[in-house]
Amino acid sequence: MDYDQRTVGESNNNILDEGIIGFQFEYASTGQRFLNYLIDNLVMRFGLSYITGTGIGVLIGLTFPTLLEADIPGQISWALIIVSVLVAYINYLLYYTLCEKLFNGYTLGKFITGNRAIREDGGELTLKNAVLRSLCRIVPFEVFSGFKVRPWHDEWTNTMVVKAR
């Protein structure tokens, strides 16, 4: 059997219920996965982060105006940096978790490239799968595991990204 293709086993009861015995799939290529990552990160950094950052900045400015003031002009306060990092992580977790669960394994990047995240048994991602995949992505250096066919966030959660069309 080719490494990029695999047949789902017949012994799993969930598969029997869903009627997808013998479903054939092909792993998404490393290039496709990189494109998924690039598109999704552009959406998060320039879309989602702009919206949430602006909203949180206004909220902080109204409730704690001194937090936004630097001790020395031209320097950023440490509190603002910490809030920015936390917002970035929360955006990251929410984007991937909500997209992969609500849109049946698709994020905007996966949709554009024709890829989809699924469980190893061929079923749709559960909320637990989506949350765990998102949490695994924030592990330091996890992004470098993307050079393999199955990055850590796939291996550790028993999921995979396959070609959907």
C-alpha atoms as a PDB file:
ATOM      1  CA  MET A   1       0.000   0.000   0.000  1.00  0.00           C
ATOM      2  CA  ASP A   2       1.291   3.443  -0.921  1.00  0.00           C
ATOM      3  CA  TYR A   3       2.326   5.579   2.072  1.00  0.00           C
ATOM      4  CA  ASP A   4       0.102   8.446   0.918  1.00  0.00           C
ATOM      5  CA  GLN A   5      -3.004   6.269   0.613  1.00  0.00           C
ATOM      6  CA  ARG A   6      -4.721   4.223   3.248  1.00  0.00           C
ATOM      7  CA  THR A   7      -7.929   2.236   3.670  1.00  0.00           C
ATOM      8  CA  VAL A   8      -9.984   2.758   6.796  1.00  0.00           C
ATOM      9  CA  GLY A   9     -10.331  -0.472   8.792  1.00  0.00           C
ATOM     10  CA  GLU A  10     -13.685  -2.252   8.984  1.00  0.00           C
ATOM     11  CA  SER A  11     -13.504  -3.064  12.694  1.00  0.00           C
ATOM     12  CA  ASN A  12     -14.411   0.350  14.090  1.00  0.00           C
ATOM     13  CA  ASN A  13     -18.090   0.623  15.068  1.00  0.00           C
ATOM     14  CA  ASN A  14     -18.218   4.377  14.377  1.00  0.00           C
ATOM     15  CA  ILE A  15     -17.258   3.711  10.798  1.00  0.00           C
ATOM     16  CA  LEU A  16     -19.908   1.038  10.479  1.00  0.00           C
ATOM     17  CA  ASP A  17     -22.528   3.525  11.687  1.00  0.00           C
ATOM     18  CA  GLU A  18     -21.347   6.215   9.266  1.00  0.00           C
ATOM     19  CA  GLY A  19     -21.251   3.830   6.302  1.00  0.00           C
ATOM     20  CA  ILE A  20     -17.756   4.697   5.110  1.00  0.00           C
ATOM     21  CA  ILE A  21     -16.147   1.254   5.188  1.00  0.00           C
ATOM     22  CA  GLY A  22     -13.276   1.033   2.742  1.00  0.00           C
ATOM     23  CA  PHE A  23     -13.035   4.811   2.304  1.00  0.00           C
ATOM     24  CA  GLN A  24      -9.807   5.677   0.458  1.00  0.00           C
ATOM     25  CA  PHE A  25      -7.946   8.868   1.197  1.00  0.00           C
ATOM     26  CA  GLU A  26      -4.682  10.522   0.376  1.00  0.00           C
ATOM     27  CA  TYR A  27      -2.619  12.547   2.840  1.00  0.00           C
ATOM     28  CA  ALA A  28      -2.276  16.230   2.024  1.00  0.00           C
ATOM     29  CA  SER A  29       1.181  17.027   0.708  1.00  0.00           C
ATOM     30  CA  THR A  30       3.718  19.017   2.702  1.00  0.00           C
ATOM     31  CA  GLY A  31       3.331  21.887   0.227  1.00  0.00           C
ATOM     32  CA  GLN A  32      -0.447  21.927   0.640  1.00  0.00           C
ATOM     33  CA  ARG A  33      -0.096  21.873   4.412  1.00  0.00           C
ATOM     34  CA  PHE A  34       2.360  24.771   4.274  1.00  0.00           C
ATOM     35  CA  LEU A  35      -0.111  26.719   2.138  1.00  0.00           C
ATOM     36  CA  ASN A  36      -2.874  25.907   4.686  1.00  0.00           C
ATOM     37  CA  TYR A  37      -0.631  27.241   7.450  1.00  0.00           C
ATOM     38  CA  LEU A  38       0.250  30.379   5.484  1.00  0.00           C
ATOM     39  CA  ILE A  39      -3.364  31.239   4.593  1.00  0.00           C
ATOM     40  CA  ASP A  40      -4.676  30.532   8.092  1.00  0.00           C
ATOM     41  CA  ASN A  41      -1.933  32.582   9.732  1.00  0.00           C
ATOM     42  CA  LEU A  42      -2.543  35.527   7.420  1.00  0.00           C
ATOM     43  CA  VAL A  43      -6.251  35.404   8.296  1.00  0.00           C
ATOM     44  CA  MET A  44      -5.465  35.254  12.018  1.00  0.00           C
ATOM     45  CA  ARG A  45      -2.762  37.899  12.084  1.00  0.00           C
ATOM     46  CA  PHE A  46      -4.313  40.474   9.783  1.00  0.00           C
ATOM     47  CA  GLY A  47      -7.997  39.744  10.248  1.00  0.00           C
ATOM     48  CA  LEU A  48      -8.845  38.201  13.578  1.00  0.00           C
ATOM     49  CA  SER A  49      -5.966  39.768  15.519  1.00  0.00           C
ATOM     50  CA  TYR A  50      -6.760  43.220  14.149  1.00  0.00           C
ATOM     51  CA  ILE A  51     -10.403  42.942  15.213  1.00  0.00           C
ATOM     52  CA  THR A  52      -9.756  41.489  18.673  1.00  0.00           C
ATOM     53  CA  GLY A  53      -6.706  43.696  19.281  1.00  0.00           C
ATOM     54  CA  THR A  54      -8.660  46.823  18.466  1.00  0.00           C
ATOM     55  CA  GLY A  55     -11.545  45.736  20.672  1.00  0.00           C
ATOM     56  CA  ILE A  56      -9.327  44.847  23.607  1.00  0.00           C
ATOM     57  CA  GLY A  57      -7.262  48.023  23.149  1.00  0.00           C
ATOM     58  CA  VAL A  58     -10.396  50.151  23.347  1.00  0.00           C
ATOM     59  CA  LEU A  59     -11.635  48.187  26.371  1.00  0.00           C
ATOM     60  CA  ILE A  60      -8.289  48.546  28.185  1.00  0.00           C
ATOM     61  CA  GLY A  61      -8.080  52.230  27.261  1.00  0.00           C
ATOM     62  CA  LEU A  62     -11.509  52.845  28.788  1.00  0.00           C
ATOM     63  CA  THR A  63     -11.050  50.761  31.933  1.00  0.00           C
ATOM     64  CA  PHE A  64      -7.312  51.028  32.688  1.00  0.00           C
ATOM     65  CA  PRO A  65      -5.921  54.044  30.805  1.00  0.00           C
ATOM     66  CA  THR A  66      -2.642  54.031  32.736  1.00  0.00           C
ATOM     67  CA  LEU A  67      -1.893  50.488  31.517  1.00  0.00           C
ATOM     68  CA  LEU A  68      -1.354  51.815  28.002  1.00  0.00           C
ATOM     69  CA  GLU A  69       1.060  54.512  29.155  1.00  0.00           C
ATOM     70  CA  ALA A  70       4.770  53.703  28.982  1.00  0.00           C
ATOM     71  CA  ASP A  71       7.147  54.699  31.765  1.00  0.00           C
ATOM     72  CA  ILE A  72       9.526  56.166  29.194  1.00  0.00           C
ATOM     73  CA  PRO A  73       8.167  57.735  26.009  1.00  0.00           C
ATOM     74  CA  GLY A  74       8.712  55.435  23.011  1.00  0.00           C
ATOM     75  CA  GLN A  75       8.713  52.226  25.073  1.00  0.00           C
ATOM     76  CA  ILE A  76       5.858  49.769  25.332  1.00  0.00           C
ATOM     77  CA  SER A  77       4.686  48.689  28.781  1.00  0.00           C
ATOM     78  CA  TRP A  78       5.296  45.049  29.770  1.00  0.00           C
ATOM     79  CA  ALA A  79       1.633  44.655  30.670  1.00  0.00           C
ATOM     80  CA  LEU A  80       0.652  45.568  27.121  1.00  0.00           C
ATOM     81  CA  ILE A  81       3.098  43.026  25.697  1.00  0.00           C
ATOM     82  CA  ILE A  82       1.719  40.281  27.956  1.00  0.00           C
ATOM     83  CA  VAL A  83      -1.861  41.132  26.988  1.00  0.00           C
ATOM     84  CA  SER A  84      -0.878  41.097  23.304  1.00  0.00           C
ATOM     85  CA  VAL A  85       0.718  37.653  23.573  1.00  0.00           C
ATOM     86  CA  LEU A  86      -2.292  36.254  25.447  1.00  0.00           C
ATOM     87  CA  VAL A  87      -4.674  37.642  22.817  1.00  0.00           C
ATOM     88  CA  ALA A  88      -2.570  36.057  20.069  1.00  0.00           C
ATOM     89  CA  TYR A  89      -2.675  32.619  21.749  1.00  0.00           C
ATOM     90  CA  ILE A  90      -6.404  32.866  22.412  1.00  0.00           C
ATOM     91  CA  ASN A  91      -7.044  33.880  18.781  1.00  0.00           C
ATOM     92  CA  TYR A  92      -4.933  30.957  17.593  1.00  0.00           C
ATOM     93  CA  LEU A  93      -6.771  28.454  19.785  1.00  0.00           C
ATOM     94  CA  LEU A  94     -10.224  29.799  18.947  1.00  0.00           C
ATOM     95  CA  TYR A  95      -9.625  30.056  15.198  1.00  0.00           C
ATOM     96  CA  TYR A  96      -8.404  26.495  14.729  1.00  0.00           C
ATOM     97  CA  THR A  97     -10.766  24.905  17.247  1.00  0.00           C
ATOM     98  CA  LEU A  98     -13.924  26.609  16.017  1.00  0.00           C
ATOM     99  CA  CYS A  99     -13.131  26.284  12.318  1.00  0.00           C
ATOM    100  CA  GLU A 100     -12.135  22.623  12.461  1.00  0.00           C
ATOM    101  CA  LYS A 101     -15.152  21.664  14.542  1.00  0.00           C
ATOM    102  CA  LEU A 102     -17.870  23.893  13.085  1.00  0.00           C
ATOM    103  CA  PHE A 103     -16.786  23.469   9.450  1.00  0.00           C
ATOM    104  CA  ASN A 104     -16.179  19.680   9.590  1.00  0.00           C
ATOM    105  CA  GLY A 105     -12.387  19.726   9.561  1.00  0.00           C
ATOM    106  CA  TYR A 106     -11.935  22.752   7.328  1.00  0.00           C
ATOM    107  CA  THR A 107     -10.225  26.056   8.025  1.00  0.00           C
ATOM    108  CA  LEU A 108     -10.070  28.755   5.363  1.00  0.00           C
ATOM    109  CA  GLY A 109      -6.638  27.479   4.286  1.00  0.00           C
ATOM    110  CA  LYS A 110      -7.799  23.869   4.086  1.00  0.00           C
ATOM    111  CA  PHE A 111     -10.924  24.879   2.189  1.00  0.00           C
ATOM    112  CA  ILE A 112      -8.912  26.807  -0.426  1.00  0.00           C
ATOM    113  CA  THR A 113      -6.403  23.970  -0.922  1.00  0.00           C
ATOM    114  CA  GLY A 114      -9.033  21.211  -0.854  1.00  0.00           C
ATOM    115  CA  ASN A 115      -7.801  19.557   2.348  1.00  0.00           C
ATOM    116  CA  ARG A 116      -9.692  18.452   5.436  1.00  0.00           C
ATOM    117  CA  ALA A 117      -8.770  17.292   8.943  1.00  0.00           C
ATOM    118  CA  ILE A 118     -10.287  13.968  10.004  1.00  0.00           C
ATOM    119  CA  ARG A 119      -9.760  11.336  12.678  1.00  0.00           C
ATOM    120  CA  GLU A 120      -7.539   8.365  11.880  1.00  0.00           C
ATOM    121  CA  ASP A 121     -10.630   6.150  11.656  1.00  0.00           C
ATOM    122  CA  GLY A 122     -12.027   8.383   8.901  1.00  0.00           C
ATOM    123  CA  GLY A 123     -14.672  10.083  11.056  1.00  0.00           C
ATOM    124  CA  GLU A 124     -15.248  13.789  11.558  1.00  0.00           C
ATOM    125  CA  LEU A 125     -13.328  15.614  14.260  1.00  0.00           C
ATOM    126  CA  THR A 126     -14.948  15.814  17.670  1.00  0.00           C
ATOM    127  CA  LEU A 127     -14.736  18.967  19.772  1.00  0.00           C
ATOM    128  CA  LYS A 128     -12.082  17.201  21.868  1.00  0.00           C
ATOM    129  CA  ASN A 129     -10.024  16.441  18.720  1.00  0.00           C
ATOM    130  CA  ALA A 130     -10.279  20.056  17.548  1.00  0.00           C
ATOM    131  CA  VAL A 131      -9.298  21.483  20.954  1.00  0.00           C
ATOM    132  CA  LEU A 132      -6.373  19.090  21.356  1.00  0.00           C
ATOM    133  CA  ARG A 133      -5.106  19.779  17.814  1.00  0.00           C
ATOM    134  CA  SER A 134      -5.181  23.502  18.595  1.00  0.00           C
ATOM    135  CA  LEU A 135      -3.382  23.088  21.922  1.00  0.00           C
ATOM    136  CA  CYS A 136      -0.691  20.920  20.320  1.00  0.00           C
ATOM    137  CA  ARG A 137      -0.023  23.641  17.757  1.00  0.00           C
ATOM    138  CA  ILE A 138       1.219  26.032  20.456  1.00  0.00           C
ATOM    139  CA  VAL A 139       3.939  23.625  21.625  1.00  0.00           C
ATOM    140  CA  PRO A 140       7.305  25.313  20.989  1.00  0.00           C
ATOM    141  CA  PHE A 141       8.907  24.203  17.719  1.00  0.00           C
ATOM    142  CA  GLU A 142       5.783  22.234  16.704  1.00  0.00           C
ATOM    143  CA  VAL A 143       5.700  24.174  13.449  1.00  0.00           C
ATOM    144  CA  PHE A 144       8.950  22.443  12.395  1.00  0.00           C
ATOM    145  CA  SER A 145       7.258  19.037  12.639  1.00  0.00           C
ATOM    146  CA  GLY A 146       5.242  20.185   9.601  1.00  0.00           C
ATOM    147  CA  PHE A 147       8.068  18.983   7.358  1.00  0.00           C
ATOM    148  CA  LYS A 148       6.863  15.425   8.027  1.00  0.00           C
ATOM    149  CA  VAL A 149       3.759  13.847   6.478  1.00  0.00           C
ATOM    150  CA  ARG A 150       2.112  13.896   9.915  1.00  0.00           C
ATOM    151  CA  PRO A 151       3.069  16.820  12.181  1.00  0.00           C
ATOM    152  CA  TRP A 152       2.931  16.437  15.943  1.00  0.00           C
ATOM    153  CA  HIS A 153      -0.568  17.902  16.226  1.00  0.00           C
ATOM    154  CA  ASP A 154      -1.771  15.052  13.977  1.00  0.00           C
ATOM    155  CA  GLU A 155       0.251  12.282  15.624  1.00  0.00           C
ATOM    156  CA  TRP A 156      -0.587  13.257  19.201  1.00  0.00           C
ATOM    157  CA  THR A 157      -4.339  13.531  18.539  1.00  0.00           C
ATOM    158  CA  ASN A 158      -4.760  10.554  16.160  1.00  0.00           C
ATOM    159  CA  THR A 159      -5.943  12.822  13.376  1.00  0.00           C
ATOM    160  CA  MET A 160      -4.711  13.654   9.890  1.00  0.00           C
ATOM    161  CA  VAL A 161      -5.168  16.086   7.033  1.00  0.00           C
ATOM    162  CA  VAL A 162      -6.276  14.494   3.783  1.00  0.00           C
ATOM    163  CA  LYS A 163      -7.126  15.636   0.293  1.00  0.00           C
ATOM    164  CA  ALA A 164     -10.872  16.219   0.195  1.00  0.00           C
ATOM    165  CA  ARG A 165     -11.155  16.802  -3.549  1.00  0.00           C
END
